[in-house]
Amino acid sequence: MNASRTALVTTAALTTILLIALGQGSIASTDDALYAQMAREMAGSGRWLTATWLGVEVFEKPPLLLWLLRVTGPLFGWSEFGLRLPGVLGAAVALFYSCRLANEGGDSPWPGVVAGVLMVATVTFTFNARRPMTDPLLCGAVMASIWYASRLALSPDRRAAVGLGIAGGLGLLAKWVALGPVALVCAVVLARARRWRSIGLATAVAVLVAGPWFAAMTATHGGAFWEVFLGYHVVERAGAALVGAAPWTVYAE
């Protein structure tokens, strides 16, 4: 069995574990309910572009999770199973590419199997994989990006460059600038290997994947979108989580 098929079989087996009792319990007491309600309002209004919360336009989050919930929610009657399914799909992608990376350069399939088992055995991974959150989707995009970048570092490959671009574009639509550190690492690795064409192709594909939503939101909402999406959600909210919320004058005060 080749490495790709081994990773696929391992991923399928481990994903069944993530699906166990997926429809039990409730998401009403967590932040997950916010995403579910926004997706439900999107579906009810027929929108795909702008999310709303109780009728108020919301600009904080990229749309990938909401798009997936907009599909799986109605498909499964807005049940707990349908709302949690996108997270499991993102986790399955992360498992697949993690197995591929673990088996890189070896003949034995066991490193990939062990890597997958350890991921599912990690409480943080499994817990978040079973929630309607953006993190599992970002994790899948990150692992796919690392895999395709590692392929390109070894030799130029147009398909790998396209795969890297798709992974990067979906990562931007999943959790925006959170993809930044991995994108920077991939860019440095490929620059050191002088894969300039691969970098250009991957960037172009990522723009084609993610660019239309950003362009449409800018054309529709203008500066109000960026003020919240970048100014509040990234600079203020995420920045404060990294460096603390105290003002720069705190010591003088």
Protein backbone atom coordinates (compact mmCIF):
# COMPACT_ATOMS: atom_id res chain seq x y z
CA MET A 1 0.00 0.00 0.00
CA ASN A 2 1.51 3.36 -1.02
CA ALA A 3 1.87 6.33 1.33
CA SER A 4 -1.14 8.21 -0.02
CA ARG A 5 -3.47 5.23 0.31
CA THR A 6 -2.15 4.43 3.78
CA ALA A 7 -2.80 8.01 4.88
CA LEU A 8 -6.30 7.84 3.39
CA VAL A 9 -7.16 4.57 5.15
CA THR A 10 -5.75 5.85 8.45
CA THR A 11 -7.70 9.10 8.12
CA ALA A 12 -10.95 7.27 7.35
CA ALA A 13 -10.53 4.97 10.35
CA LEU A 14 -9.70 7.77 12.77
CA THR A 15 -12.43 10.07 11.45
CA THR A 16 -15.03 7.47 12.42
CA ILE A 17 -13.90 8.00 16.02
CA LEU A 18 -14.58 11.74 15.69
CA LEU A 19 -18.09 10.95 14.41
CA ILE A 20 -19.10 8.88 17.45
CA ALA A 21 -22.11 10.47 19.21
CA LEU A 22 -21.55 13.65 17.20
CA GLY A 23 -25.24 14.52 17.40
CA GLN A 24 -25.52 14.29 21.17
CA GLY A 25 -25.33 17.14 23.64
CA SER A 26 -26.01 20.81 22.96
CA ILE A 27 -24.02 23.74 21.58
CA ALA A 28 -26.38 26.32 23.05
CA SER A 29 -24.14 27.13 26.03
CA THR A 30 -21.00 27.91 24.01
CA ASP A 31 -19.72 30.34 21.36
CA ASP A 32 -20.58 27.67 18.80
CA ALA A 33 -24.20 28.82 18.90
CA LEU A 34 -23.14 32.19 17.46
CA TYR A 35 -21.78 30.56 14.30
CA ALA A 36 -24.82 28.30 14.03
CA GLN A 37 -27.22 31.23 14.28
CA MET A 38 -25.28 33.32 11.73
CA ALA A 39 -25.29 30.41 9.29
CA ARG A 40 -29.00 29.86 9.85
CA GLU A 41 -29.72 33.52 9.16
CA MET A 42 -27.56 33.31 6.04
CA ALA A 43 -29.55 30.35 4.80
CA GLY A 44 -32.88 31.96 5.68
CA SER A 45 -32.07 35.17 3.81
CA GLY A 46 -30.41 33.42 0.87
CA ARG A 47 -27.15 35.30 1.50
CA TRP A 48 -23.65 34.00 0.88
CA LEU A 49 -21.65 37.21 1.26
CA THR A 50 -22.42 39.00 4.52
CA ALA A 51 -23.19 37.27 7.80
CA THR A 52 -25.75 38.64 10.27
CA TRP A 53 -26.44 38.05 13.94
CA LEU A 54 -30.07 38.70 14.88
CA GLY A 55 -30.33 40.78 11.72
CA VAL A 56 -27.23 42.90 12.40
CA GLU A 57 -24.39 42.64 9.88
CA VAL A 58 -21.27 41.02 11.33
CA PHE A 59 -17.81 41.57 9.81
CA GLU A 60 -15.52 39.88 12.35
CA LYS A 61 -15.15 36.44 10.76
CA PRO A 62 -14.19 35.04 7.33
CA PRO A 63 -16.95 33.01 5.66
CA LEU A 64 -15.69 29.44 5.14
CA LEU A 65 -17.18 27.95 8.31
CA LEU A 66 -20.47 29.76 7.75
CA TRP A 67 -20.62 28.54 4.15
CA LEU A 68 -20.10 24.95 5.26
CA LEU A 69 -22.69 25.31 8.04
CA ARG A 70 -25.06 26.83 5.52
CA VAL A 71 -24.82 23.55 3.59
CA THR A 72 -24.66 20.93 6.35
CA GLY A 73 -27.18 22.72 8.60
CA PRO A 74 -30.23 22.45 6.30
CA LEU A 75 -29.03 19.06 5.03
CA PHE A 76 -29.33 17.56 8.51
CA GLY A 77 -32.20 19.68 9.78
CA TRP A 78 -29.99 22.08 11.76
CA SER A 79 -29.21 19.24 14.14
CA GLU A 80 -26.18 19.02 16.39
CA PHE A 81 -24.69 16.50 13.96
CA GLY A 82 -25.05 18.81 10.98
CA LEU A 83 -23.63 21.77 12.85
CA ARG A 84 -20.59 19.84 14.08
CA LEU A 85 -19.84 18.07 10.80
CA PRO A 86 -17.71 20.86 9.20
CA GLY A 87 -15.26 20.68 12.11
CA VAL A 88 -14.85 16.94 11.61
CA LEU A 89 -14.21 17.48 7.89
CA GLY A 90 -11.49 20.02 8.68
CA ALA A 91 -9.95 17.63 11.20
CA ALA A 92 -9.98 14.83 8.61
CA VAL A 93 -7.98 17.00 6.21
CA ALA A 94 -5.50 17.77 9.00
CA LEU A 95 -5.19 14.06 9.82
CA PHE A 96 -4.60 13.11 6.18
CA TYR A 97 -1.76 15.56 5.60
CA SER A 98 -0.23 14.88 9.00
CA CYS A 99 -0.06 11.19 8.10
CA ARG A 100 1.53 12.08 4.76
CA LEU A 101 4.15 14.22 6.46
CA ALA A 102 4.94 11.55 9.06
CA ASN A 103 5.49 8.94 6.33
CA GLU A 104 7.70 11.23 4.24
CA GLY A 105 10.98 9.63 3.27
CA GLY A 106 10.26 6.19 4.72
CA ASP A 107 8.89 2.85 3.60
CA SER A 108 6.97 1.97 6.75
CA PRO A 109 3.35 3.20 7.13
CA TRP A 110 3.51 3.13 10.91
CA PRO A 111 4.84 6.68 11.52
CA GLY A 112 1.73 8.05 9.81
CA VAL A 113 -0.56 5.75 11.75
CA VAL A 114 1.07 6.73 15.05
CA ALA A 115 0.91 10.43 14.17
CA GLY A 116 -2.81 10.16 13.43
CA VAL A 117 -3.57 8.21 16.60
CA LEU A 118 -1.66 10.73 18.71
CA MET A 119 -3.62 13.60 17.16
CA VAL A 120 -6.97 11.99 17.92
CA ALA A 121 -5.73 11.10 21.41
CA THR A 122 -5.03 14.79 22.04
CA VAL A 123 -7.96 16.29 23.91
CA THR A 124 -7.60 19.74 22.35
CA PHE A 125 -7.63 18.40 18.79
CA THR A 126 -10.56 16.02 19.25
CA PHE A 127 -12.61 18.44 21.34
CA ASN A 128 -12.28 21.28 18.82
CA ALA A 129 -12.76 18.96 15.86
CA ARG A 130 -16.27 18.22 17.12
CA ARG A 131 -17.32 21.87 17.38
CA PRO A 132 -18.63 24.32 14.76
CA MET A 133 -15.54 26.51 15.07
CA THR A 134 -12.98 27.90 12.62
CA ASP A 135 -10.00 26.18 14.26
CA PRO A 136 -10.37 22.70 12.68
CA LEU A 137 -10.64 24.28 9.22
CA LEU A 138 -7.52 26.35 9.86
CA CYS A 139 -5.70 23.25 11.12
CA GLY A 140 -6.53 21.40 7.91
CA ALA A 141 -5.30 24.33 5.80
CA VAL A 142 -2.09 24.57 7.84
CA MET A 143 -1.17 20.89 7.51
CA ALA A 144 -1.98 20.90 3.79
CA SER A 145 0.17 24.01 3.29
CA ILE A 146 3.11 22.42 5.07
CA TRP A 147 2.76 19.24 3.02
CA TYR A 148 2.68 21.01 -0.36
CA ALA A 149 5.51 23.36 0.62
CA SER A 150 7.65 20.37 1.61
CA ARG A 151 6.94 18.81 -1.80
CA LEU A 152 7.95 22.00 -3.59
CA ALA A 153 11.12 22.36 -1.53
CA LEU A 154 12.29 19.01 -2.88
CA SER A 155 11.42 19.66 -6.53
CA PRO A 156 9.28 22.03 -8.63
CA ASP A 157 5.79 20.65 -9.12
CA ARG A 158 2.93 22.61 -10.64
CA ARG A 159 0.27 20.49 -8.94
CA ALA A 160 1.90 20.98 -5.56
CA ALA A 161 2.03 24.74 -6.15
CA VAL A 162 -1.67 24.75 -7.03
CA GLY A 163 -2.39 22.65 -3.93
CA LEU A 164 -0.44 25.09 -1.78
CA GLY A 165 -2.41 27.98 -3.25
CA ILE A 166 -5.76 26.28 -2.62
CA ALA A 167 -4.76 25.43 0.95
CA GLY A 168 -3.60 29.00 1.53
CA GLY A 169 -6.74 30.53 0.06
CA LEU A 170 -9.02 28.30 2.13
CA GLY A 171 -6.93 29.09 5.21
CA LEU A 172 -7.54 32.80 4.64
CA LEU A 173 -11.26 32.15 4.30
CA ALA A 174 -11.18 29.99 7.44
CA LYS A 175 -9.32 32.19 9.93
CA TRP A 176 -7.75 35.09 8.05
CA VAL A 177 -4.37 36.26 9.44
CA ALA A 178 -4.02 33.24 11.74
CA LEU A 179 -2.56 31.53 8.67
CA GLY A 180 0.20 34.16 8.58
CA PRO A 181 2.98 32.37 10.54
CA VAL A 182 2.68 29.21 8.44
CA ALA A 183 2.48 31.20 5.21
CA LEU A 184 5.66 33.04 6.20
CA VAL A 185 7.51 29.81 6.97
CA CYS A 186 6.41 28.25 3.66
CA ALA A 187 7.50 31.38 1.78
CA VAL A 188 10.94 31.38 3.44
CA VAL A 189 11.47 27.67 2.72
CA LEU A 190 10.51 28.06 -0.93
CA ALA A 191 12.58 31.24 -1.32
CA ARG A 192 15.65 29.46 0.04
CA ALA A 193 15.02 26.69 -2.50
CA ARG A 194 14.60 29.38 -5.21
CA ARG A 195 11.14 28.20 -6.16
CA TRP A 196 10.10 31.62 -7.43
CA ARG A 197 7.65 30.33 -10.02
CA SER A 198 6.04 28.04 -7.49
CA ILE A 199 5.65 30.96 -5.06
CA GLY A 200 4.08 33.05 -7.81
CA LEU A 201 1.68 30.31 -8.90
CA ALA A 202 0.66 29.45 -5.33
CA THR A 203 0.07 33.14 -4.56
CA ALA A 204 -2.03 33.60 -7.69
CA VAL A 205 -4.18 30.55 -6.86
CA ALA A 206 -4.64 31.73 -3.25
CA VAL A 207 -5.80 35.13 -4.52
CA LEU A 208 -8.24 33.44 -6.92
CA VAL A 209 -9.65 31.34 -4.07
CA ALA A 210 -9.93 33.99 -1.36
CA GLY A 211 -9.80 37.25 -3.30
CA PRO A 212 -13.39 37.37 -4.61
CA TRP A 213 -14.92 37.39 -1.12
CA PHE A 214 -12.58 40.12 0.11
CA ALA A 215 -13.20 42.17 -3.04
CA ALA A 216 -16.97 41.74 -2.79
CA MET A 217 -17.03 42.71 0.90
CA THR A 218 -14.90 45.79 0.16
CA ALA A 219 -17.12 46.82 -2.73
CA THR A 220 -20.30 46.27 -0.70
CA HIS A 221 -19.30 47.68 2.69
CA GLY A 222 -16.17 49.75 2.04
CA GLY A 223 -14.12 50.96 4.99
CA ALA A 224 -16.67 49.78 7.56
CA PHE A 225 -15.78 46.18 6.70
CA TRP A 226 -12.03 46.66 7.11
CA GLU A 227 -12.44 48.75 10.24
CA VAL A 228 -14.01 45.75 11.96
CA PHE A 229 -12.42 42.84 10.10
CA LEU A 230 -8.87 44.13 10.40
CA GLY A 231 -8.96 47.02 12.85
CA TYR A 232 -11.07 45.53 15.61
CA HIS A 233 -10.83 41.78 15.14
CA VAL A 234 -7.09 41.58 14.39
CA VAL A 235 -5.35 44.71 15.67
CA GLU A 236 -7.42 45.30 18.79
CA ARG A 237 -8.93 41.95 19.78
CA ALA A 238 -6.25 39.47 18.67
CA GLY A 239 -3.43 41.91 19.40
CA ALA A 240 -4.65 42.46 22.95
CA ALA A 241 -4.73 38.69 23.50
CA LEU A 242 -1.05 38.50 22.55
CA VAL A 243 0.38 41.52 24.36
CA GLY A 244 -2.26 42.34 26.96
CA ALA A 245 -4.99 44.94 26.94
CA ALA A 246 -3.26 47.57 29.11
CA PRO A 247 -2.37 50.86 27.36
CA TRP A 248 1.23 51.71 26.56
CA THR A 249 1.16 54.35 29.33
CA VAL A 250 0.42 51.78 32.03
CA TYR A 251 3.84 52.04 33.72
CA ALA A 252 3.80 55.83 33.76
CA GLU A 253 0.30 55.78 35.18
